[in-house]
Every structure is written in C-alpha cells, then in structure tokens.
Protein backbone atom coordinates (compact mmCIF):
# COMPACT_ATOMS: atom_id res chain seq x y z
CA MET A 1 68.80 35.21 -54.74
CA LEU A 2 68.01 32.32 -52.35
CA GLU A 3 70.72 33.50 -49.95
CA GLN A 4 69.32 37.04 -49.97
CA LEU A 5 65.83 35.73 -49.26
CA GLU A 6 67.08 33.58 -46.40
CA LEU A 7 68.87 36.54 -44.79
CA LEU A 8 65.79 38.74 -45.17
CA ARG A 9 63.52 35.99 -43.83
CA ALA A 10 65.64 35.44 -40.72
CA LEU A 11 65.89 39.18 -40.06
CA ALA A 12 62.16 39.76 -40.49
CA ALA A 13 61.28 36.73 -38.34
CA ARG A 14 63.37 38.08 -35.45
CA HIS A 15 61.41 41.31 -35.40
CA ALA A 16 57.90 40.14 -36.36
CA GLU A 17 55.17 40.63 -33.75
CA GLY A 18 51.60 39.51 -34.34
CA ARG A 19 50.02 39.70 -37.77
CA MET A 20 51.58 43.08 -38.63
CA LYS A 21 54.29 45.20 -37.04
CA ALA A 22 55.17 48.73 -38.12
CA THR A 23 58.95 49.03 -37.80
CA ALA A 24 61.06 52.00 -36.78
CA ILE A 25 61.88 52.47 -40.46
CA PRO A 26 59.31 54.92 -41.89
CA GLY A 27 56.77 53.19 -44.14
CA VAL A 28 58.10 49.66 -43.57
CA ALA A 29 56.05 46.90 -41.91
CA ILE A 30 56.60 43.19 -41.26
CA HIS A 31 53.71 40.77 -41.79
CA LYS A 32 53.43 37.24 -40.41
CA GLY A 33 50.83 34.48 -40.41
CA CYS A 34 51.06 30.89 -39.17
CA THR A 35 47.96 29.60 -40.96
CA PRO A 36 46.12 30.29 -44.21
CA THR A 37 43.44 32.96 -43.71
CA GLU A 38 40.04 33.85 -45.06
CA GLY A 39 39.72 36.84 -47.36
CA ALA A 40 40.19 40.19 -45.61
CA ALA A 41 38.65 43.18 -47.39
CA GLY A 42 40.07 46.68 -47.26
CA VAL A 43 41.56 49.51 -49.27
CA PHE A 44 45.17 48.92 -50.27
CA GLU A 45 47.13 52.15 -50.17
CA PRO A 46 49.94 52.59 -52.72
CA LYS A 47 52.65 50.22 -51.55
CA LEU A 48 55.18 47.57 -52.46
CA CYS A 49 54.66 44.10 -50.97
CA LEU A 50 57.49 41.55 -50.84
CA VAL A 51 56.90 37.96 -49.72
CA LEU A 52 59.82 36.21 -48.03
CA GLN A 53 58.07 32.93 -47.21
CA GLY A 54 54.68 31.46 -48.08
CA ALA A 55 52.26 32.96 -50.56
CA LYS A 56 49.29 35.28 -50.74
CA GLN A 57 46.48 36.04 -53.17
CA ILE A 58 44.62 39.28 -53.76
CA MET A 59 41.37 39.90 -55.60
CA ILE A 60 41.03 43.32 -57.24
CA GLY A 61 37.89 43.76 -59.30
CA ASP A 62 37.70 40.62 -61.42
CA GLN A 63 41.44 39.92 -61.28
CA LEU A 64 43.03 37.35 -58.98
CA LEU A 65 46.78 37.73 -58.41
CA ARG A 66 49.21 35.55 -56.49
CA TYR A 67 52.50 36.76 -55.05
CA ASP A 68 55.26 34.80 -53.36
CA PRO A 69 59.06 34.98 -52.93
CA ALA A 70 59.50 35.03 -56.72
CA ASN A 71 57.09 37.92 -57.39
CA TYR A 72 56.37 41.22 -55.67
CA PHE A 73 53.04 43.04 -55.66
CA ILE A 74 52.83 46.77 -56.24
CA ALA A 75 49.84 49.11 -56.07
CA SER A 76 50.30 52.62 -57.42
CA VAL A 77 46.70 53.74 -56.78
CA GLU A 78 44.29 53.18 -53.89
CA LEU A 79 42.45 49.90 -54.46
CA PRO A 80 39.52 48.19 -52.71
CA ALA A 81 40.74 44.62 -52.51
CA THR A 82 40.41 41.31 -50.71
CA GLY A 83 43.59 39.51 -49.74
CA TRP A 84 44.33 36.23 -48.01
CA ILE A 85 47.30 34.07 -47.07
CA ILE A 86 47.25 30.78 -49.00
CA GLU A 87 50.53 29.18 -47.87
CA ALA A 88 51.54 29.25 -44.20
CA SER A 89 52.11 26.88 -41.29
CA ALA A 90 53.55 27.00 -37.78
CA ALA A 91 56.77 25.48 -39.08
CA HIS A 92 56.93 27.72 -42.15
CA PRO A 93 54.88 30.86 -41.46
CA TYR A 94 53.98 33.42 -44.05
CA ILE A 95 56.46 36.31 -43.77
CA GLY A 96 56.17 39.47 -45.83
CA LEU A 97 57.37 43.06 -45.97
CA SER A 98 55.60 46.17 -47.17
CA LEU A 99 56.83 49.63 -48.07
CA THR A 100 54.41 52.52 -48.37
CA LEU A 101 55.24 54.48 -51.53
CA ASP A 102 56.31 58.06 -50.86
CA TRP A 103 55.34 60.16 -53.88
CA GLN A 104 57.61 63.06 -52.98
CA HIS A 105 60.64 60.76 -52.86
CA LEU A 106 59.54 59.11 -56.09
CA ALA A 107 59.05 62.43 -57.89
CA ALA A 108 62.47 63.67 -56.78
CA LEU A 109 64.10 60.51 -58.10
CA ILE A 110 62.21 60.60 -61.42
CA SER A 111 63.35 64.17 -62.02
CA GLU A 112 66.93 62.88 -62.13
CA MET A 113 66.24 59.96 -64.47
CA PRO A 114 65.72 59.79 -68.24
CA GLY A 115 62.09 59.82 -69.39
CA GLY A 116 60.26 56.51 -69.61
CA ARG A 117 58.06 55.08 -72.31
CA ASP A 118 54.76 56.79 -72.98
CA MET A 119 52.40 53.85 -72.43
CA PRO A 120 49.04 53.42 -70.66
CA GLY A 121 49.61 52.88 -66.94
CA ILE A 122 47.90 50.31 -64.73
CA GLY A 123 47.35 50.76 -61.03
CA PHE A 124 48.62 47.39 -59.77
CA ALA A 125 50.66 44.39 -60.87
CA VAL A 126 52.72 41.39 -59.87
CA SER A 127 56.28 41.40 -61.23
CA PRO A 128 59.40 39.22 -60.83
CA VAL A 129 61.70 39.86 -57.88
CA THR A 130 65.31 40.62 -58.87
CA PRO A 131 68.60 40.26 -56.93
CA PRO A 132 69.28 44.06 -57.00
CA LEU A 133 65.84 44.70 -55.48
CA LEU A 134 66.50 42.16 -52.71
CA ASP A 135 69.93 43.69 -52.05
CA ALA A 136 68.35 47.09 -51.46
CA TRP A 137 65.68 45.56 -49.21
CA LEU A 138 68.33 43.75 -47.17
CA ARG A 139 70.27 46.95 -46.53
CA LEU A 140 67.04 48.70 -45.52
CA LEU A 141 65.78 46.01 -43.16
CA ARG A 142 69.16 45.60 -41.44
CA LEU A 143 68.71 49.15 -40.14
CA ILE A 144 66.13 47.80 -37.67
CA GLU A 145 69.09 46.51 -35.66
CA THR A 146 71.03 49.78 -35.84
CA PRO A 147 68.28 52.33 -35.12
CA ALA A 148 70.72 55.23 -34.83
CA ASP A 149 71.43 54.81 -38.56
CA ILE A 150 67.82 54.91 -39.73
CA ALA A 151 67.43 58.67 -40.14
CA VAL A 152 70.45 58.95 -42.44
CA LEU A 153 70.59 55.61 -44.26
CA ALA A 154 66.93 54.56 -44.62
CA PRO A 155 66.16 57.28 -47.22
CA LEU A 156 69.15 56.10 -49.28
CA CYS A 157 67.98 52.47 -49.21
CA GLU A 158 64.42 53.48 -50.01
CA ARG A 159 65.71 55.55 -52.92
CA GLU A 160 67.47 52.49 -54.33
CA ILE A 161 64.32 50.37 -53.97
CA LEU A 162 62.32 53.00 -55.86
CA TYR A 163 65.04 53.16 -58.49
CA ARG A 164 64.84 49.40 -59.01
CA LEU A 165 61.06 49.63 -59.34
CA LEU A 166 61.38 52.42 -61.91
CA GLN A 167 63.76 50.24 -63.91
CA GLY A 168 61.33 47.33 -63.80
CA PRO A 169 58.05 46.47 -65.56
CA GLN A 170 56.02 48.92 -63.42
CA GLY A 171 58.30 51.91 -63.94
CA ASN A 172 55.97 53.50 -66.47
CA ALA A 173 52.97 53.40 -64.11
CA LEU A 174 55.00 54.95 -61.29
CA ARG A 175 56.20 57.74 -63.59
CA GLN A 176 52.64 58.49 -64.64
CA ILE A 177 51.39 58.76 -61.08
CA VAL A 178 53.76 61.64 -60.28
CA SER A 179 53.14 63.39 -63.61
CA ALA A 180 50.29 65.84 -62.97
CA ASP A 181 49.00 65.76 -66.55
CA SER A 182 49.11 61.98 -67.08
CA ARG A 183 45.96 59.89 -67.42
CA LEU A 184 46.85 57.74 -64.42
CA SER A 185 47.42 60.79 -62.24
CA GLN A 186 44.00 62.15 -63.21
CA ILE A 187 42.40 58.80 -62.43
CA ARG A 188 44.02 58.87 -59.00
CA LYS A 189 42.41 62.27 -58.35
CA ALA A 190 39.03 60.79 -59.32
CA ILE A 191 39.68 57.88 -56.97
CA ALA A 192 40.33 60.36 -54.14
CA TRP A 193 36.98 62.05 -54.81
CA ILE A 194 35.11 58.74 -54.85
CA ARG A 195 36.75 57.64 -51.59
CA GLN A 196 35.76 60.88 -49.88
CA ASN A 197 32.22 60.85 -51.28
CA TYR A 198 31.39 57.17 -51.71
CA ASP A 199 27.95 57.66 -50.12
CA GLN A 200 26.97 60.32 -52.68
CA THR A 201 25.53 59.91 -56.17
CA LEU A 202 28.34 59.30 -58.63
CA ARG A 203 28.19 61.38 -61.80
CA ILE A 204 30.60 59.97 -64.36
CA GLU A 205 30.32 62.99 -66.66
CA THR A 206 31.39 65.35 -63.87
CA LEU A 207 34.39 63.23 -62.91
CA ALA A 208 35.36 62.83 -66.56
CA THR A 209 35.22 66.59 -67.12
CA GLU A 210 37.39 67.18 -64.03
CA ALA A 211 39.87 64.66 -65.45
CA GLY A 212 39.84 66.32 -68.88
CA MET A 213 38.44 63.25 -70.63
CA SER A 214 35.28 62.18 -72.37
CA ALA A 215 33.03 59.90 -70.31
CA ALA A 216 33.97 56.90 -72.48
CA SER A 217 37.71 57.62 -72.21
CA PHE A 218 37.46 58.17 -68.46
CA HIS A 219 35.61 54.88 -68.00
CA ARG A 220 38.23 53.03 -70.07
CA HIS A 221 41.23 54.52 -68.26
CA PHE A 222 39.63 54.04 -64.83
CA LYS A 223 39.03 50.35 -65.48
CA ALA A 224 42.53 49.88 -66.87
CA ALA A 225 43.96 51.34 -63.66
CA THR A 226 41.74 49.59 -61.10
CA SER A 227 40.16 46.58 -62.87
CA MET A 228 36.80 48.13 -61.92
CA SER A 229 34.39 50.62 -63.40
CA PRO A 230 33.90 53.80 -61.34
CA LEU A 231 30.51 52.49 -60.19
CA GLN A 232 32.00 49.13 -59.19
CA TYR A 233 34.75 50.92 -57.29
CA GLN A 234 32.17 53.00 -55.41
CA LYS A 235 30.01 49.94 -54.68
CA THR A 236 32.98 48.06 -53.26
CA LEU A 237 33.81 50.97 -50.94
CA ARG A 238 30.16 51.18 -49.83
CA LEU A 239 29.94 47.47 -49.04
CA GLN A 240 33.24 47.47 -47.16
CA ALA A 241 32.14 50.49 -45.12
CA ALA A 242 28.76 48.89 -44.36
CA ARG A 243 30.52 45.73 -43.22
CA GLN A 244 32.57 47.70 -40.70
CA LEU A 245 29.44 49.44 -39.42
CA MET A 246 27.70 46.10 -38.88
CA ILE A 247 30.72 44.64 -37.10
CA ALA A 248 30.33 47.62 -34.75
CA ASN A 249 26.72 46.47 -34.11
CA LYS A 250 24.77 48.66 -36.52
CA ASP A 251 21.90 46.72 -38.12
CA ALA A 252 22.00 45.95 -41.85
CA THR A 253 19.29 48.40 -42.92
CA ARG A 254 20.82 51.36 -41.10
CA ALA A 255 24.27 50.43 -42.41
CA ALA A 256 22.91 50.28 -45.98
CA TYR A 257 21.38 53.75 -45.79
CA SER A 258 24.47 55.15 -44.05
CA VAL A 259 26.72 54.26 -47.00
CA GLY A 260 24.36 55.57 -49.68
CA TYR A 261 22.04 52.68 -50.59
CA GLU A 262 18.40 53.56 -51.20
CA SER A 263 17.19 49.96 -51.24
CA ALA A 264 17.87 47.53 -48.38
CA SER A 265 17.05 44.54 -50.60
CA GLN A 266 19.53 45.66 -53.26
CA PHE A 267 22.14 46.12 -50.53
CA SER A 268 21.53 42.58 -49.22
CA ARG A 269 21.85 41.06 -52.69
CA GLU A 270 25.05 42.90 -53.53
CA TYR A 271 26.53 42.26 -50.09
CA ALA A 272 25.92 38.52 -50.31
CA ARG A 273 27.36 38.46 -53.82
CA MET A 274 30.56 40.14 -52.64
CA PHE A 275 31.10 38.52 -49.24
CA GLY A 276 29.40 35.14 -49.75
CA ALA A 277 26.77 35.46 -47.00
CA PRO A 278 23.82 37.73 -46.09
CA PRO A 279 24.79 40.87 -44.14
CA GLY A 280 23.53 39.82 -40.72
CA ARG A 281 25.08 36.35 -40.79
CA ASP A 282 28.40 37.66 -42.10
CA ALA A 283 28.61 40.40 -39.48
CA LEU A 284 27.86 37.94 -36.67
CA ARG A 285 30.65 35.64 -37.87
CA LEU A 286 33.12 38.51 -38.07
CA ARG A 287 32.29 39.79 -34.58
CA ASN A 288 33.44 36.41 -33.28
CA SER A 289 36.63 36.37 -35.36
CA ASP A 290 40.15 37.48 -34.54
CA PRO A 291 40.21 41.25 -35.29
CA GLU A 292 43.55 40.84 -37.07
CA ASP A 293 41.93 38.46 -39.56
CA MET A 294 39.52 41.19 -40.70
CA ALA A 295 42.17 43.66 -41.79
CA ALA A 296 43.72 43.45 -45.23
CA SER A 297 47.51 43.44 -45.04
CA ALA A 298 50.53 42.91 -47.27
C-alpha cells in the first residue's frame, strides 16, 4: 500500500496547482496545502476524499473526524462542516484527492450487485483505505497524463472505485441514498428543502410528513445522518451564509435579517459561539485573509 500511495502522491504533486485544482477527469480534484490552516466553513457535497500526504480534520455537528493516508472520508449527504489541514509543511505538503459522487453511476452499479444489509445509514464516515481502492485510484489519476483516454477509461475506473466503496463499511449508506424509499434518501430530500429555504421558518412536522415519518422518527434519523438536528442544520447554513454576506461588506444586522434571524443579538451570540469571534471582528479578519483559506475543501 505504501508503494501505491507514493505513486499517487508523485502523480498528484506533478499536477497540483494552488489550493485546489479541478482536473480534466470529471468530478476529480487535487488539493494541496503547504501549511496547517484555520477552519474553513462550507457545505460538503457528497464526495470521497483521499489523503495522500499530511492530515486533515473536519467538524460536522458535534463530531470531530480526522483523515489521513490510512483513512478516507466519505459524505453521502450534503453537510455543513468546518475543515482544516492539521499536518502540512513546505517539505511535506498536504496532498489530497476528491471524487464527487455520481448518483446515476452509483445506482446503475447497485442494480447489478446483490442487496446489502438493511441497517440504518449515516451520512458521513471515516473508513480504512484498502489496496484495491488505491489501485483503482491510481488507474484513474494516471489518465490525467493521457487525456485522450479519459472519456472511455475514466468511467470504468470510477465504477471500480464505487464498487470498492460499496464493498466497504459505508456500502449500506450508499445503497440507501439511491433507494427512493429508504430513510436516508428521504432525509436527503429534507436536506435539499432546508438548503433551498434556510431563511424560512422550519416546520419539523411538515418535513416529517413529507418524509413519511413521525416527527420523533424524522428527528432521530436526521441526526443519525448529519450529526445535527434539523434546526441545528438550518442554523449552521444561516450562519455560514451570513458570514459570506459580511465578507462581501454587508453589515452584521442586515446579514442577520437576510438569512432569517429576527433578533440581531441572538445572531451575534450564535455567530460568536460557532466561529469564535463576534460577527464584525470575524468578517474583518476574513476580508484580509487569503480567499483560498476561506473555502472548505477535501
């Protein structure tokens, strides 16, 4: 496995540019950092993150996870999160890869595989890297240097990566996401509604009814999937959106009302609790920061 990692690391390093580079391979990006970073907040889309060198941590709700060359991170639902590089230097920079999960490709593959276990699904996890998974990644990333082969061979490599994930500890969660009547799939639909309407009043009973669950069951399944209650999920989205508005020079009060808060003082308290500083001071610091440091990445 060490040889596979070294080959992947050298290949990724040759093609890395800046903090994040989207490659010619659909859905694949290379991430690099030469120093540890502060926490960057954002919404993680469903993706697989593989670290080749260094280490990173991510905070989702009240859970702190670390991933490094021995463990990959996978998110199967959209998650407000804060991530930061914890191991990196100029001599040994952080190097990582990410693959956006394609649900159509995943569903097509699942239809050809035996059914998985019927267990509650979670929306994110850190799991051990395996040699077969690295082999598939190596074949995929090598296509960067033979671009004429990407259209034909990249889907085959991606299919193998998805197959390895389905065989691993997170296979059940991935199966549930593409099953329209599964609990996790219904939670993902609720997440989509909250993301589109985060500035509106959240009615748990309405969302639960849409998901075909009781309010108590919906709350339980939502927290199992995201490590947050629906209200915490909405609050995190609101605070992240307000932060972006203030970075763009909107004052704290206007930003608070724009994202759905009715009380500026409540907004200030919750903002400081999440980001560690009052809104105005935090926004001023971020305006003077490297823009790349403010974007959550793999």
